[in-house]
């Protein structure tokens, strides 16, 4: 009986890990699909519907890549972030001087997404070893000029095979780049609702 329970437990653990891997592979695929869409970098504040609101499809910033990839899997980060900020506004960054959440923009700000993923995802240790990262991971960076940035690692590797490529929008639209270690990494997350 003990052996049966041990085997059954291992099967359940394997199925759970396999389902997680499958989710992150789908997230990787969703992010890759975004690179075929022509998008102009535009950080303008836009009033959008709630829930499931989005800026015009031909515009966006780095956070919109994350939002759109998750939305393709049925997860609305606009709603998730807004609800979390409405419950615990005081724990979120106060960079913008807001007194309450704003469902039009809060999910489109890298520091807010970092806080959300810290609270509801898995925080992974930052390293300079490509083996510590996997497809579907969310990574944040500080770009020159102390600008926050975010992207999704996808299931394609650099030409030397040492690191996953990144789907992000750094000003050229939604693109695939070999930039994981090009900037200072400030966060490494896995998030599955």
C-alpha atoms as a PDB file:
ATOM      1  CA  UNK A   1       0.000   0.000   0.000  1.00  0.00           C
ATOM      2  CA  UNK A   2       2.874   2.400   0.812  1.00  0.00           C
ATOM      3  CA  UNK A   3       4.410   1.798  -2.625  1.00  0.00           C
ATOM      4  CA  UNK A   4       1.062   2.458  -4.298  1.00  0.00           C
ATOM      5  CA  UNK A   5       0.669   5.767  -2.429  1.00  0.00           C
ATOM      6  CA  UNK A   6       4.218   6.784  -3.275  1.00  0.00           C
ATOM      7  CA  UNK A   7       3.697   6.010  -6.968  1.00  0.00           C
ATOM      8  CA  UNK A   8       0.319   7.798  -6.974  1.00  0.00           C
ATOM      9  CA  UNK A   9       1.903  10.847  -5.348  1.00  0.00           C
ATOM     10  CA  UNK A  10       4.709  10.893  -7.927  1.00  0.00           C
ATOM     11  CA  UNK A  11       2.177  10.657 -10.766  1.00  0.00           C
ATOM     12  CA  UNK A  12       0.212  13.606  -9.351  1.00  0.00           C
ATOM     13  CA  UNK A  13       3.376  15.669  -8.934  1.00  0.00           C
ATOM     14  CA  UNK A  14       4.472  14.827 -12.497  1.00  0.00           C
ATOM     15  CA  UNK A  15       1.020  15.725 -13.894  1.00  0.00           C
ATOM     16  CA  UNK A  16       1.074  19.020 -11.985  1.00  0.00           C
ATOM     17  CA  UNK A  17       4.567  19.899 -13.236  1.00  0.00           C
ATOM     18  CA  UNK A  18       3.634  18.855 -16.761  1.00  0.00           C
ATOM     19  CA  UNK A  19       0.523  21.091 -16.671  1.00  0.00           C
ATOM     20  CA  UNK A  20       2.664  24.002 -15.449  1.00  0.00           C
ATOM     21  CA  UNK A  21       5.236  23.425 -18.200  1.00  0.00           C
ATOM     22  CA  UNK A  22       2.383  23.281 -20.726  1.00  0.00           C
ATOM     23  CA  UNK A  23       1.000  26.614 -19.461  1.00  0.00           C
ATOM     24  CA  UNK A  24       4.374  28.351 -19.763  1.00  0.00           C
ATOM     25  CA  UNK A  25       4.922  26.864 -23.228  1.00  0.00           C
ATOM     26  CA  UNK A  26       1.525  28.290 -24.251  1.00  0.00           C
ATOM     27  CA  UNK A  27       2.518  31.659 -22.761  1.00  0.00           C
ATOM     28  CA  UNK A  28       5.752  31.520 -24.772  1.00  0.00           C
ATOM     29  CA  UNK A  29       3.784  30.714 -27.934  1.00  0.00           C
ATOM     30  CA  UNK A  30       1.332  33.544 -27.220  1.00  0.00           C
ATOM     31  CA  UNK A  31       4.190  36.028 -26.808  1.00  0.00           C
ATOM     32  CA  UNK A  32       5.819  34.839 -30.031  1.00  0.00           C
ATOM     33  CA  UNK A  33       2.532  35.276 -31.906  1.00  0.00           C
ATOM     34  CA  UNK A  34       2.532  38.956 -30.940  1.00  0.00           C
ATOM     35  CA  UNK A  35       5.724  39.594 -32.917  1.00  0.00           C
ATOM     36  CA  UNK A  36       3.807  39.189 -36.182  1.00  0.00           C
ATOM     37  CA  UNK A  37       1.619  42.205 -35.379  1.00  0.00           C
ATOM     38  CA  UNK A  38       2.767  45.677 -36.399  1.00  0.00           C
ATOM     39  CA  UNK A  39       2.790  47.853 -33.272  1.00  0.00           C
ATOM     40  CA  UNK A  40       4.035  51.412 -32.864  1.00  0.00           C
ATOM     41  CA  UNK A  41       5.561  52.254 -29.478  1.00  0.00           C
ATOM     42  CA  UNK A  42       3.182  54.719 -27.821  1.00  0.00           C
ATOM     43  CA  UNK A  43       3.159  55.273 -24.048  1.00  0.00           C
ATOM     44  CA  UNK A  44       0.200  57.698 -24.084  1.00  0.00           C
ATOM     45  CA  UNK A  45      -2.427  57.466 -21.356  1.00  0.00           C
ATOM     46  CA  UNK A  46      -5.596  56.027 -22.868  1.00  0.00           C
ATOM     47  CA  UNK A  47      -9.026  55.508 -21.311  1.00  0.00           C
ATOM     48  CA  UNK A  48      -9.881  51.869 -21.969  1.00  0.00           C
ATOM     49  CA  UNK A  49     -12.822  49.587 -21.157  1.00  0.00           C
ATOM     50  CA  UNK A  50     -12.769  47.493 -17.991  1.00  0.00           C
ATOM     51  CA  UNK A  51     -12.357  44.549 -17.718  1.00  0.00           C
ATOM     52  CA  UNK A  52     -10.434  43.229 -20.744  1.00  0.00           C
ATOM     53  CA  UNK A  53      -9.555  46.723 -21.929  1.00  0.00           C
ATOM     54  CA  UNK A  54      -6.648  47.345 -24.264  1.00  0.00           C
ATOM     55  CA  UNK A  55      -5.054  50.284 -25.996  1.00  0.00           C
ATOM     56  CA  UNK A  56      -5.494  50.315 -29.801  1.00  0.00           C
ATOM     57  CA  UNK A  57      -3.958  47.108 -31.228  1.00  0.00           C
ATOM     58  CA  UNK A  58      -1.485  49.016 -33.409  1.00  0.00           C
ATOM     59  CA  UNK A  59       0.042  50.759 -30.363  1.00  0.00           C
ATOM     60  CA  UNK A  60       1.668  49.636 -27.138  1.00  0.00           C
ATOM     61  CA  UNK A  61       4.621  49.555 -24.782  1.00  0.00           C
ATOM     62  CA  UNK A  62       6.603  46.780 -23.083  1.00  0.00           C
ATOM     63  CA  UNK A  63       3.883  46.045 -20.525  1.00  0.00           C
ATOM     64  CA  UNK A  64       1.313  45.599 -23.281  1.00  0.00           C
ATOM     65  CA  UNK A  65       3.309  42.600 -24.547  1.00  0.00           C
ATOM     66  CA  UNK A  66       2.843  40.930 -21.165  1.00  0.00           C
ATOM     67  CA  UNK A  67      -0.823  41.910 -20.918  1.00  0.00           C
ATOM     68  CA  UNK A  68      -1.627  40.707 -24.444  1.00  0.00           C
ATOM     69  CA  UNK A  69       0.236  37.398 -24.072  1.00  0.00           C
ATOM     70  CA  UNK A  70      -1.613  36.556 -20.853  1.00  0.00           C
ATOM     71  CA  UNK A  71      -4.900  37.700 -22.362  1.00  0.00           C
ATOM     72  CA  UNK A  72      -4.422  35.185 -25.184  1.00  0.00           C
ATOM     73  CA  UNK A  73      -4.524  32.538 -22.429  1.00  0.00           C
ATOM     74  CA  UNK A  74      -7.666  34.001 -20.863  1.00  0.00           C
ATOM     75  CA  UNK A  75      -5.954  35.903 -18.037  1.00  0.00           C
ATOM     76  CA  UNK A  76      -6.856  39.591 -17.746  1.00  0.00           C
ATOM     77  CA  UNK A  77      -3.976  41.346 -15.963  1.00  0.00           C
ATOM     78  CA  UNK A  78      -5.881  44.640 -16.138  1.00  0.00           C
ATOM     79  CA  UNK A  79      -8.545  43.119 -13.883  1.00  0.00           C
ATOM     80  CA  UNK A  80      -6.106  41.128 -11.715  1.00  0.00           C
ATOM     81  CA  UNK A  81      -3.835  44.103 -11.026  1.00  0.00           C
ATOM     82  CA  UNK A  82      -6.749  46.515 -10.499  1.00  0.00           C
ATOM     83  CA  UNK A  83      -8.448  44.204  -8.003  1.00  0.00           C
ATOM     84  CA  UNK A  84      -5.200  43.627  -6.118  1.00  0.00           C
ATOM     85  CA  UNK A  85      -4.417  47.338  -6.034  1.00  0.00           C
ATOM     86  CA  UNK A  86      -7.967  48.084  -4.860  1.00  0.00           C
ATOM     87  CA  UNK A  87      -7.486  45.660  -1.946  1.00  0.00           C
ATOM     88  CA  UNK A  88      -3.930  46.710  -0.984  1.00  0.00           C
ATOM     89  CA  UNK A  89      -3.147  50.019  -2.665  1.00  0.00           C
ATOM     90  CA  UNK A  90      -0.634  50.949   0.023  1.00  0.00           C
ATOM     91  CA  UNK A  91       1.806  48.158  -0.946  1.00  0.00           C
ATOM     92  CA  UNK A  92       2.127  49.333  -4.563  1.00  0.00           C
ATOM     93  CA  UNK A  93       4.692  51.923  -5.706  1.00  0.00           C
ATOM     94  CA  UNK A  94       3.749  55.569  -5.208  1.00  0.00           C
ATOM     95  CA  UNK A  95       5.829  56.884  -8.108  1.00  0.00           C
ATOM     96  CA  UNK A  96       2.953  58.608  -9.917  1.00  0.00           C
ATOM     97  CA  UNK A  97       1.330  60.439  -6.997  1.00  0.00           C
ATOM     98  CA  UNK A  98      -2.005  58.663  -7.345  1.00  0.00           C
ATOM     99  CA  UNK A  99      -4.336  58.427  -4.350  1.00  0.00           C
ATOM    100  CA  UNK A 100      -6.246  55.408  -5.662  1.00  0.00           C
ATOM    101  CA  UNK A 101      -5.984  52.752  -8.394  1.00  0.00           C
ATOM    102  CA  UNK A 102      -6.555  53.718 -12.031  1.00  0.00           C
ATOM    103  CA  UNK A 103      -7.870  50.807 -14.105  1.00  0.00           C
ATOM    104  CA  UNK A 104      -6.722  52.510 -17.323  1.00  0.00           C
ATOM    105  CA  UNK A 105      -2.993  52.549 -16.588  1.00  0.00           C
ATOM    106  CA  UNK A 106      -1.953  50.677 -13.420  1.00  0.00           C
ATOM    107  CA  UNK A 107      -1.410  47.344 -15.203  1.00  0.00           C
ATOM    108  CA  UNK A 108       0.621  49.142 -17.899  1.00  0.00           C
ATOM    109  CA  UNK A 109       3.371  50.198 -15.461  1.00  0.00           C
ATOM    110  CA  UNK A 110       6.383  47.957 -14.929  1.00  0.00           C
ATOM    111  CA  UNK A 111       6.785  48.683 -11.171  1.00  0.00           C
ATOM    112  CA  UNK A 112       3.136  47.739 -10.606  1.00  0.00           C
ATOM    113  CA  UNK A 113       3.501  44.491 -12.563  1.00  0.00           C
ATOM    114  CA  UNK A 114       6.641  43.686 -10.571  1.00  0.00           C
ATOM    115  CA  UNK A 115       4.751  44.156  -7.314  1.00  0.00           C
ATOM    116  CA  UNK A 116       1.810  42.094  -8.593  1.00  0.00           C
ATOM    117  CA  UNK A 117       4.086  39.211  -9.686  1.00  0.00           C
ATOM    118  CA  UNK A 118       5.947  39.377  -6.345  1.00  0.00           C
ATOM    119  CA  UNK A 119       2.629  39.062  -4.518  1.00  0.00           C
ATOM    120  CA  UNK A 120       0.916  36.448  -6.690  1.00  0.00           C
ATOM    121  CA  UNK A 121       3.586  34.677  -8.716  1.00  0.00           C
ATOM    122  CA  UNK A 122       6.808  32.885  -7.997  1.00  0.00           C
ATOM    123  CA  UNK A 123       9.860  35.065  -7.491  1.00  0.00           C
ATOM    124  CA  UNK A 124      12.915  33.411  -9.027  1.00  0.00           C
ATOM    125  CA  UNK A 125      16.460  34.264  -7.993  1.00  0.00           C
ATOM    126  CA  UNK A 126      18.178  36.614 -10.425  1.00  0.00           C
ATOM    127  CA  UNK A 127      21.347  35.146 -11.902  1.00  0.00           C
ATOM    128  CA  UNK A 128      23.666  35.494 -14.876  1.00  0.00           C
ATOM    129  CA  UNK A 129      23.259  31.819 -15.764  1.00  0.00           C
ATOM    130  CA  UNK A 130      20.945  31.165 -18.717  1.00  0.00           C
ATOM    131  CA  UNK A 131      20.084  27.733 -17.275  1.00  0.00           C
ATOM    132  CA  UNK A 132      18.245  29.439 -14.405  1.00  0.00           C
ATOM    133  CA  UNK A 133      15.615  30.803 -16.807  1.00  0.00           C
ATOM    134  CA  UNK A 134      12.859  29.080 -18.751  1.00  0.00           C
ATOM    135  CA  UNK A 135      10.378  29.860 -21.492  1.00  0.00           C
ATOM    136  CA  UNK A 136       7.366  31.688 -20.077  1.00  0.00           C
ATOM    137  CA  UNK A 137       9.384  33.517 -17.412  1.00  0.00           C
ATOM    138  CA  UNK A 138       8.765  37.226 -16.952  1.00  0.00           C
ATOM    139  CA  UNK A 139      11.907  39.336 -16.571  1.00  0.00           C
ATOM    140  CA  UNK A 140      12.236  43.021 -15.682  1.00  0.00           C
ATOM    141  CA  UNK A 141      15.245  45.244 -16.256  1.00  0.00           C
ATOM    142  CA  UNK A 142      16.513  48.750 -15.670  1.00  0.00           C
ATOM    143  CA  UNK A 143      17.483  50.290 -18.994  1.00  0.00           C
ATOM    144  CA  UNK A 144      19.990  53.137 -19.258  1.00  0.00           C
ATOM    145  CA  UNK A 145      18.492  56.271 -17.730  1.00  0.00           C
ATOM    146  CA  UNK A 146      16.920  54.141 -14.950  1.00  0.00           C
ATOM    147  CA  UNK A 147      13.956  53.202 -17.163  1.00  0.00           C
ATOM    148  CA  UNK A 148      12.016  50.081 -16.092  1.00  0.00           C
ATOM    149  CA  UNK A 149      11.407  47.449 -18.770  1.00  0.00           C
ATOM    150  CA  UNK A 150       9.679  44.041 -18.977  1.00  0.00           C
ATOM    151  CA  UNK A 151       9.573  41.068 -21.349  1.00  0.00           C
ATOM    152  CA  UNK A 152       8.692  37.377 -21.677  1.00  0.00           C
ATOM    153  CA  UNK A 153      11.230  34.638 -22.331  1.00  0.00           C
ATOM    154  CA  UNK A 154      10.214  32.351 -25.176  1.00  0.00           C
ATOM    155  CA  UNK A 155      11.123  28.846 -26.259  1.00  0.00           C
ATOM    156  CA  UNK A 156      13.785  29.957 -28.723  1.00  0.00           C
ATOM    157  CA  UNK A 157      17.448  30.181 -27.849  1.00  0.00           C
ATOM    158  CA  UNK A 158      20.287  32.509 -28.709  1.00  0.00           C
ATOM    159  CA  UNK A 159      22.604  31.449 -31.540  1.00  0.00           C
ATOM    160  CA  UNK A 160      25.087  30.078 -28.979  1.00  0.00           C
ATOM    161  CA  UNK A 161      22.262  28.169 -27.228  1.00  0.00           C
ATOM    162  CA  UNK A 162      23.044  29.672 -23.814  1.00  0.00           C
ATOM    163  CA  UNK A 163      19.904  31.718 -23.126  1.00  0.00           C
ATOM    164  CA  UNK A 164      16.266  32.101 -24.105  1.00  0.00           C
ATOM    165  CA  UNK A 165      15.220  34.935 -26.378  1.00  0.00           C
ATOM    166  CA  UNK A 166      12.888  37.699 -25.199  1.00  0.00           C
ATOM    167  CA  UNK A 167       9.663  39.062 -26.655  1.00  0.00           C
ATOM    168  CA  UNK A 168       9.317  42.699 -25.644  1.00  0.00           C
ATOM    169  CA  UNK A 169       8.676  46.205 -26.944  1.00  0.00           C
ATOM    170  CA  UNK A 170      11.668  48.439 -26.392  1.00  0.00           C
ATOM    171  CA  UNK A 171      10.594  51.054 -28.918  1.00  0.00           C
ATOM    172  CA  UNK A 172      10.498  49.050 -32.148  1.00  0.00           C
ATOM    173  CA  UNK A 173       7.179  47.295 -31.627  1.00  0.00           C
ATOM    174  CA  UNK A 174       6.651  43.767 -30.374  1.00  0.00           C
ATOM    175  CA  UNK A 175       9.901  41.996 -31.256  1.00  0.00           C
ATOM    176  CA  UNK A 176      12.048  38.960 -30.542  1.00  0.00           C
ATOM    177  CA  UNK A 177      15.522  39.803 -29.181  1.00  0.00           C
ATOM    178  CA  UNK A 178      18.590  38.229 -27.643  1.00  0.00           C
ATOM    179  CA  UNK A 179      18.772  40.673 -24.731  1.00  0.00           C
ATOM    180  CA  UNK A 180      18.304  38.688 -21.506  1.00  0.00           C
ATOM    181  CA  UNK A 181      21.661  39.770 -20.069  1.00  0.00           C
ATOM    182  CA  UNK A 182      22.049  43.005 -22.013  1.00  0.00           C
ATOM    183  CA  UNK A 183      20.541  45.168 -19.237  1.00  0.00           C
ATOM    184  CA  UNK A 184      20.468  45.062 -15.442  1.00  0.00           C
ATOM    185  CA  UNK A 185      17.865  42.477 -14.393  1.00  0.00           C
ATOM    186  CA  UNK A 186      15.629  43.711 -11.560  1.00  0.00           C
ATOM    187  CA  UNK A 187      13.095  40.874 -11.371  1.00  0.00           C
ATOM    188  CA  UNK A 188      12.494  37.290 -12.483  1.00  0.00           C
ATOM    189  CA  UNK A 189       9.001  35.779 -12.107  1.00  0.00           C
ATOM    190  CA  UNK A 190       6.709  32.941 -13.069  1.00  0.00           C
ATOM    191  CA  UNK A 191       3.022  33.677 -12.924  1.00  0.00           C
ATOM    192  CA  UNK A 192       0.162  31.300 -13.555  1.00  0.00           C
ATOM    193  CA  UNK A 193      -3.296  32.132 -12.261  1.00  0.00           C
END
